[in-house]
Amino acid sequence: MAGGTGGAGGGTGGGDSLARRAWRQYLLQLQRHPLRTKMITAGCLAGVSDSVAQKLSGYQKIEKRRLLLKMIFGFAYGGPFGHFLHKVLDYIFKGKKDTKTVAKKVLLEQITSSPWNNLLFLFYYGYVVEKRPFKEVKTRVKKQYLSVQLSAWMFWPVVGWINHQYVPLQFRVIVHSFVACCWGDISQPSRQSHVFEAVIDRFSGG
């Protein structure tokens, strides 16, 4: 009996050890290849978020094309954009974390990158993901954009403040991606239109 208990304990310890080793390896990759690691992380989290969102929306089967295109957007644009955005912000404000500086960072982020990213994603989602004619997408963007941006400003400044105030530089894109993933999954059942889908699910980069 004692031997069996010891074996079980050893198995548990091995599992914990494996998780710790995987986490250490991830941190090592983040240190050695920060851009590549953030790109892969952003793409994977975008895929997880969209998969859960589709299930919560009542899809019987996952729309693989939509899933892949959202992952590509997170990988090719969201990860790199967030990586360089936070590096530039830290360079401009010299890495300071006092309240005044954090407020300036959040403000600058919300009046520059946030409007641009929402606009870009609305066009990407309509034209590439949904394959709608460009004129139709343009008309929809004109109608939706203000609502999208106002909704974004109700949520993401809080995330930005926490990120800039408490999270080390190398983890900020990852934290942003993770919050976007969770928020998209939680909010999915209450959505009434693609406006909110664009706000919540777009990607995680400010």
C-alpha atoms as a PDB file:
ATOM      1  CA  MET A   1       0.000   0.000   0.000  1.00  0.00           C
ATOM      2  CA  ALA A   2       2.789   2.370   0.946  1.00  0.00           C
ATOM      3  CA  GLY A   3       4.545   1.654  -2.314  1.00  0.00           C
ATOM      4  CA  GLY A   4       1.336   2.380  -4.248  1.00  0.00           C
ATOM      5  CA  THR A   5       0.885   5.696  -2.454  1.00  0.00           C
ATOM      6  CA  GLY A   6       4.463   6.610  -3.107  1.00  0.00           C
ATOM      7  CA  GLY A   7       4.016   5.793  -6.773  1.00  0.00           C
ATOM      8  CA  ALA A   8       0.943   7.994  -6.995  1.00  0.00           C
ATOM      9  CA  GLY A   9       2.754  10.820  -5.304  1.00  0.00           C
ATOM     10  CA  GLY A  10       5.655  10.377  -7.655  1.00  0.00           C
ATOM     11  CA  GLY A  11       3.287  10.528 -10.610  1.00  0.00           C
ATOM     12  CA  THR A  12       1.776  13.772  -9.356  1.00  0.00           C
ATOM     13  CA  GLY A  13       5.188  15.224  -8.742  1.00  0.00           C
ATOM     14  CA  GLY A  14       6.235  14.234 -12.248  1.00  0.00           C
ATOM     15  CA  GLY A  15       3.197  15.981 -13.697  1.00  0.00           C
ATOM     16  CA  ASP A  16       3.939  19.160 -11.797  1.00  0.00           C
ATOM     17  CA  SER A  17       7.572  18.929 -12.843  1.00  0.00           C
ATOM     18  CA  LEU A  18       6.565  18.571 -16.493  1.00  0.00           C
ATOM     19  CA  ALA A  19       4.350  21.660 -16.274  1.00  0.00           C
ATOM     20  CA  ARG A  20       7.148  23.634 -14.648  1.00  0.00           C
ATOM     21  CA  ARG A  21       9.621  22.514 -17.285  1.00  0.00           C
ATOM     22  CA  ALA A  22       7.216  23.504 -20.051  1.00  0.00           C
ATOM     23  CA  TRP A  23       6.721  26.932 -18.456  1.00  0.00           C
ATOM     24  CA  ARG A  24      10.481  27.436 -18.067  1.00  0.00           C
ATOM     25  CA  GLN A  25      10.974  26.476 -21.705  1.00  0.00           C
ATOM     26  CA  TYR A  26       8.298  28.955 -22.745  1.00  0.00           C
ATOM     27  CA  LEU A  27       9.959  31.719 -20.733  1.00  0.00           C
ATOM     28  CA  LEU A  28      13.294  30.790 -22.288  1.00  0.00           C
ATOM     29  CA  GLN A  29      11.807  31.070 -25.771  1.00  0.00           C
ATOM     30  CA  LEU A  30      10.206  34.377 -24.785  1.00  0.00           C
ATOM     31  CA  GLN A  31      13.609  35.660 -23.719  1.00  0.00           C
ATOM     32  CA  ARG A  32      15.538  34.343 -26.722  1.00  0.00           C
ATOM     33  CA  HIS A  33      12.898  34.865 -29.419  1.00  0.00           C
ATOM     34  CA  PRO A  34      10.396  37.381 -28.013  1.00  0.00           C
ATOM     35  CA  LEU A  35       8.754  38.386 -31.288  1.00  0.00           C
ATOM     36  CA  ARG A  36       8.300  34.856 -32.592  1.00  0.00           C
ATOM     37  CA  THR A  37       6.974  33.608 -29.253  1.00  0.00           C
ATOM     38  CA  LYS A  38       4.452  36.448 -28.982  1.00  0.00           C
ATOM     39  CA  MET A  39       3.308  35.845 -32.558  1.00  0.00           C
ATOM     40  CA  ILE A  40       2.676  32.165 -31.909  1.00  0.00           C
ATOM     41  CA  THR A  41       0.989  32.902 -28.571  1.00  0.00           C
ATOM     42  CA  ALA A  42      -1.302  35.542 -30.070  1.00  0.00           C
ATOM     43  CA  GLY A  43      -2.258  33.221 -32.922  1.00  0.00           C
ATOM     44  CA  CYS A  44      -3.004  30.287 -30.617  1.00  0.00           C
ATOM     45  CA  LEU A  45      -5.073  32.394 -28.210  1.00  0.00           C
ATOM     46  CA  ALA A  46      -7.043  33.856 -31.123  1.00  0.00           C
ATOM     47  CA  GLY A  47      -7.789  30.305 -32.221  1.00  0.00           C
ATOM     48  CA  VAL A  48      -8.883  29.214 -28.753  1.00  0.00           C
ATOM     49  CA  SER A  49     -11.095  32.271 -28.355  1.00  0.00           C
ATOM     50  CA  ASP A  50     -12.796  31.804 -31.721  1.00  0.00           C
ATOM     51  CA  SER A  51     -13.323  28.069 -31.186  1.00  0.00           C
ATOM     52  CA  VAL A  52     -15.067  28.631 -27.863  1.00  0.00           C
ATOM     53  CA  ALA A  53     -16.988  31.611 -29.264  1.00  0.00           C
ATOM     54  CA  GLN A  54     -18.321  29.522 -32.152  1.00  0.00           C
ATOM     55  CA  LYS A  55     -19.460  26.769 -29.772  1.00  0.00           C
ATOM     56  CA  LEU A  56     -21.173  29.261 -27.469  1.00  0.00           C
ATOM     57  CA  SER A  57     -22.906  30.756 -30.507  1.00  0.00           C
ATOM     58  CA  GLY A  58     -24.465  27.402 -31.304  1.00  0.00           C
ATOM     59  CA  TYR A  59     -22.282  26.272 -34.191  1.00  0.00           C
ATOM     60  CA  GLN A  60     -22.543  22.492 -34.609  1.00  0.00           C
ATOM     61  CA  LYS A  61     -19.205  22.367 -36.402  1.00  0.00           C
ATOM     62  CA  ILE A  62     -16.269  24.707 -36.135  1.00  0.00           C
ATOM     63  CA  GLU A  63     -15.903  26.958 -39.171  1.00  0.00           C
ATOM     64  CA  LYS A  64     -12.293  26.113 -39.898  1.00  0.00           C
ATOM     65  CA  ARG A  65     -11.747  28.867 -42.436  1.00  0.00           C
ATOM     66  CA  ARG A  66     -12.911  31.569 -40.018  1.00  0.00           C
ATOM     67  CA  LEU A  67     -10.814  30.008 -37.249  1.00  0.00           C
ATOM     68  CA  LEU A  68      -7.704  29.879 -39.418  1.00  0.00           C
ATOM     69  CA  LEU A  69      -8.101  33.453 -40.658  1.00  0.00           C
ATOM     70  CA  LYS A  70      -8.459  34.780 -37.114  1.00  0.00           C
ATOM     71  CA  MET A  71      -5.377  32.835 -36.056  1.00  0.00           C
ATOM     72  CA  ILE A  72      -3.465  34.265 -39.008  1.00  0.00           C
ATOM     73  CA  PHE A  73      -4.527  37.775 -38.037  1.00  0.00           C
ATOM     74  CA  GLY A  74      -3.361  37.248 -34.454  1.00  0.00           C
ATOM     75  CA  PHE A  75      -0.090  35.649 -35.581  1.00  0.00           C
ATOM     76  CA  ALA A  76       0.833  37.934 -38.464  1.00  0.00           C
ATOM     77  CA  TYR A  77      -0.476  41.246 -37.134  1.00  0.00           C
ATOM     78  CA  GLY A  78      -1.656  41.182 -33.518  1.00  0.00           C
ATOM     79  CA  GLY A  79       1.484  39.660 -32.021  1.00  0.00           C
ATOM     80  CA  PRO A  80       4.021  41.787 -33.940  1.00  0.00           C
ATOM     81  CA  PHE A  81       2.021  45.009 -33.559  1.00  0.00           C
ATOM     82  CA  GLY A  82       1.659  44.552 -29.815  1.00  0.00           C
ATOM     83  CA  HIS A  83       5.338  43.645 -29.459  1.00  0.00           C
ATOM     84  CA  PHE A  84       6.607  46.792 -31.146  1.00  0.00           C
ATOM     85  CA  LEU A  85       3.891  49.031 -29.702  1.00  0.00           C
ATOM     86  CA  HIS A  86       4.892  48.278 -26.126  1.00  0.00           C
ATOM     87  CA  LYS A  87       8.591  48.622 -26.936  1.00  0.00           C
ATOM     88  CA  VAL A  88       7.969  52.042 -28.495  1.00  0.00           C
ATOM     89  CA  LEU A  89       5.817  53.193 -25.562  1.00  0.00           C
ATOM     90  CA  ASP A  90       8.478  52.107 -23.093  1.00  0.00           C
ATOM     91  CA  TYR A  91      11.123  53.896 -25.171  1.00  0.00           C
ATOM     92  CA  ILE A  92       9.101  57.110 -25.334  1.00  0.00           C
ATOM     93  CA  PHE A  93       8.391  57.119 -21.603  1.00  0.00           C
ATOM     94  CA  LYS A  94      11.744  55.591 -20.611  1.00  0.00           C
ATOM     95  CA  GLY A  95      10.154  52.629 -18.830  1.00  0.00           C
ATOM     96  CA  LYS A  96       8.632  54.760 -16.066  1.00  0.00           C
ATOM     97  CA  LYS A  97       5.673  53.347 -14.107  1.00  0.00           C
ATOM     98  CA  ASP A  98       4.503  56.298 -12.040  1.00  0.00           C
ATOM     99  CA  THR A  99       0.789  57.082 -12.201  1.00  0.00           C
ATOM    100  CA  LYS A 100       1.180  60.108 -14.468  1.00  0.00           C
ATOM    101  CA  THR A 101       3.320  58.223 -16.976  1.00  0.00           C
ATOM    102  CA  VAL A 102       1.001  55.201 -17.036  1.00  0.00           C
ATOM    103  CA  ALA A 103      -1.957  57.514 -17.667  1.00  0.00           C
ATOM    104  CA  LYS A 104      -0.090  59.072 -20.614  1.00  0.00           C
ATOM    105  CA  LYS A 105       0.745  55.621 -22.014  1.00  0.00           C
ATOM    106  CA  VAL A 106      -2.868  54.474 -21.817  1.00  0.00           C
ATOM    107  CA  LEU A 107      -4.123  57.710 -23.352  1.00  0.00           C
ATOM    108  CA  LEU A 108      -1.639  57.565 -26.220  1.00  0.00           C
ATOM    109  CA  GLU A 109      -2.450  53.918 -26.839  1.00  0.00           C
ATOM    110  CA  GLN A 110      -6.193  54.547 -26.876  1.00  0.00           C
ATOM    111  CA  ILE A 111      -6.119  57.531 -29.247  1.00  0.00           C
ATOM    112  CA  THR A 112      -3.685  55.972 -31.738  1.00  0.00           C
ATOM    113  CA  SER A 113      -3.432  52.180 -31.874  1.00  0.00           C
ATOM    114  CA  SER A 114      -6.932  51.372 -30.632  1.00  0.00           C
ATOM    115  CA  PRO A 115      -8.824  53.317 -33.362  1.00  0.00           C
ATOM    116  CA  TRP A 116      -6.458  52.037 -36.048  1.00  0.00           C
ATOM    117  CA  ASN A 117      -6.665  48.384 -34.949  1.00  0.00           C
ATOM    118  CA  ASN A 118     -10.449  48.415 -34.752  1.00  0.00           C
ATOM    119  CA  LEU A 119     -10.716  49.981 -38.200  1.00  0.00           C
ATOM    120  CA  LEU A 120      -8.288  47.473 -39.681  1.00  0.00           C
ATOM    121  CA  PHE A 121     -10.039  44.503 -38.123  1.00  0.00           C
ATOM    122  CA  LEU A 122     -13.494  45.601 -39.295  1.00  0.00           C
ATOM    123  CA  PHE A 123     -12.223  45.683 -42.868  1.00  0.00           C
ATOM    124  CA  TYR A 124     -10.328  42.413 -42.458  1.00  0.00           C
ATOM    125  CA  TYR A 125     -13.286  40.601 -40.938  1.00  0.00           C
ATOM    126  CA  GLY A 126     -15.779  41.850 -43.504  1.00  0.00           C
ATOM    127  CA  TYR A 127     -13.646  41.582 -46.627  1.00  0.00           C
ATOM    128  CA  VAL A 128     -11.409  38.586 -45.874  1.00  0.00           C
ATOM    129  CA  VAL A 129     -13.231  36.461 -43.280  1.00  0.00           C
ATOM    130  CA  GLU A 130     -16.820  37.034 -44.466  1.00  0.00           C
ATOM    131  CA  LYS A 131     -15.828  37.548 -48.131  1.00  0.00           C
ATOM    132  CA  ARG A 132     -18.212  40.465 -48.597  1.00  0.00           C
ATOM    133  CA  PRO A 133     -17.801  42.960 -51.482  1.00  0.00           C
ATOM    134  CA  PHE A 134     -15.522  45.846 -50.577  1.00  0.00           C
ATOM    135  CA  LYS A 135     -18.245  48.463 -51.126  1.00  0.00           C
ATOM    136  CA  GLU A 136     -20.539  46.628 -48.728  1.00  0.00           C
ATOM    137  CA  VAL A 137     -17.759  46.313 -46.161  1.00  0.00           C
ATOM    138  CA  LYS A 138     -16.991  50.007 -46.463  1.00  0.00           C
ATOM    139  CA  THR A 139     -20.653  50.891 -45.865  1.00  0.00           C
ATOM    140  CA  ARG A 140     -20.851  48.593 -42.832  1.00  0.00           C
ATOM    141  CA  VAL A 141     -17.654  50.016 -41.387  1.00  0.00           C
ATOM    142  CA  LYS A 142     -19.045  53.545 -41.656  1.00  0.00           C
ATOM    143  CA  LYS A 143     -22.126  52.448 -39.716  1.00  0.00           C
ATOM    144  CA  GLN A 144     -20.335  50.310 -37.121  1.00  0.00           C
ATOM    145  CA  TYR A 145     -17.028  52.010 -36.474  1.00  0.00           C
ATOM    146  CA  LEU A 146     -18.159  54.613 -33.932  1.00  0.00           C
ATOM    147  CA  SER A 147     -20.024  52.008 -31.869  1.00  0.00           C
ATOM    148  CA  VAL A 148     -17.047  49.686 -32.037  1.00  0.00           C
ATOM    149  CA  GLN A 149     -14.618  52.344 -30.857  1.00  0.00           C
ATOM    150  CA  LEU A 150     -16.840  53.633 -28.058  1.00  0.00           C
ATOM    151  CA  SER A 151     -17.329  50.073 -26.811  1.00  0.00           C
ATOM    152  CA  ALA A 152     -13.572  49.482 -26.919  1.00  0.00           C
ATOM    153  CA  TRP A 153     -12.931  52.610 -24.860  1.00  0.00           C
ATOM    154  CA  MET A 154     -15.253  51.299 -22.139  1.00  0.00           C
ATOM    155  CA  PHE A 155     -13.108  48.221 -21.504  1.00  0.00           C
ATOM    156  CA  TRP A 156      -9.571  48.278 -22.879  1.00  0.00           C
ATOM    157  CA  PRO A 157      -8.235  51.360 -21.039  1.00  0.00           C
ATOM    158  CA  VAL A 158      -8.632  49.417 -17.775  1.00  0.00           C
ATOM    159  CA  VAL A 159      -6.697  46.483 -19.216  1.00  0.00           C
ATOM    160  CA  GLY A 160      -4.079  48.876 -20.557  1.00  0.00           C
ATOM    161  CA  TRP A 161      -3.665  50.551 -17.164  1.00  0.00           C
ATOM    162  CA  ILE A 162      -3.125  47.235 -15.359  1.00  0.00           C
ATOM    163  CA  ASN A 163      -0.785  46.061 -18.093  1.00  0.00           C
ATOM    164  CA  HIS A 164       1.428  49.152 -18.052  1.00  0.00           C
ATOM    165  CA  GLN A 165       1.372  49.543 -14.279  1.00  0.00           C
ATOM    166  CA  TYR A 166       1.987  45.990 -13.069  1.00  0.00           C
ATOM    167  CA  VAL A 167       3.064  43.704 -15.920  1.00  0.00           C
ATOM    168  CA  PRO A 168       6.707  43.420 -17.088  1.00  0.00           C
ATOM    169  CA  LEU A 169       7.318  44.499 -20.687  1.00  0.00           C
ATOM    170  CA  GLN A 170       7.898  40.991 -22.072  1.00  0.00           C
ATOM    171  CA  PHE A 171       4.529  39.752 -20.770  1.00  0.00           C
ATOM    172  CA  ARG A 172       2.258  42.632 -21.817  1.00  0.00           C
ATOM    173  CA  VAL A 173       1.288  41.315 -25.247  1.00  0.00           C
ATOM    174  CA  ILE A 174       0.614  37.876 -23.739  1.00  0.00           C
ATOM    175  CA  VAL A 175      -1.552  39.304 -20.946  1.00  0.00           C
ATOM    176  CA  HIS A 176      -3.465  41.419 -23.443  1.00  0.00           C
ATOM    177  CA  SER A 177      -4.003  38.382 -25.686  1.00  0.00           C
ATOM    178  CA  PHE A 178      -5.172  36.258 -22.759  1.00  0.00           C
ATOM    179  CA  VAL A 179      -7.657  38.890 -21.548  1.00  0.00           C
ATOM    180  CA  ALA A 180      -9.010  39.272 -25.077  1.00  0.00           C
ATOM    181  CA  CYS A 181      -9.427  35.497 -25.294  1.00  0.00           C
ATOM    182  CA  CYS A 182     -11.312  35.239 -21.973  1.00  0.00           C
ATOM    183  CA  TRP A 183     -13.422  38.338 -22.570  1.00  0.00           C
ATOM    184  CA  GLY A 184     -14.452  37.093 -25.989  1.00  0.00           C
ATOM    185  CA  ASP A 185     -15.525  33.719 -24.577  1.00  0.00           C
ATOM    186  CA  ILE A 186     -17.468  35.189 -21.647  1.00  0.00           C
ATOM    187  CA  SER A 187     -19.242  37.829 -23.708  1.00  0.00           C
ATOM    188  CA  GLN A 188     -20.112  35.676 -26.709  1.00  0.00           C
ATOM    189  CA  PRO A 189     -23.688  34.646 -25.661  1.00  0.00           C
ATOM    190  CA  SER A 190     -24.827  38.247 -25.210  1.00  0.00           C
ATOM    191  CA  ARG A 191     -23.676  39.566 -28.568  1.00  0.00           C
ATOM    192  CA  GLN A 192     -26.298  40.979 -30.865  1.00  0.00           C
ATOM    193  CA  SER A 193     -24.202  41.871 -33.900  1.00  0.00           C
ATOM    194  CA  HIS A 194     -20.791  41.705 -35.531  1.00  0.00           C
ATOM    195  CA  VAL A 195     -20.057  45.090 -33.981  1.00  0.00           C
ATOM    196  CA  PHE A 196     -19.435  43.494 -30.603  1.00  0.00           C
ATOM    197  CA  GLU A 197     -17.656  40.554 -32.190  1.00  0.00           C
ATOM    198  CA  ALA A 198     -15.222  42.984 -33.759  1.00  0.00           C
ATOM    199  CA  VAL A 199     -14.618  44.758 -30.463  1.00  0.00           C
ATOM    200  CA  ILE A 200     -14.159  41.680 -28.335  1.00  0.00           C
ATOM    201  CA  ASP A 201     -12.563  39.135 -30.638  1.00  0.00           C
ATOM    202  CA  ARG A 202     -10.358  41.240 -32.883  1.00  0.00           C
ATOM    203  CA  PHE A 203      -6.941  40.459 -31.314  1.00  0.00           C
ATOM    204  CA  SER A 204      -5.059  41.513 -28.427  1.00  0.00           C
ATOM    205  CA  GLY A 205      -2.860  44.340 -29.144  1.00  0.00           C
ATOM    206  CA  GLY A 206      -4.220  47.576 -27.763  1.00  0.00           C
END
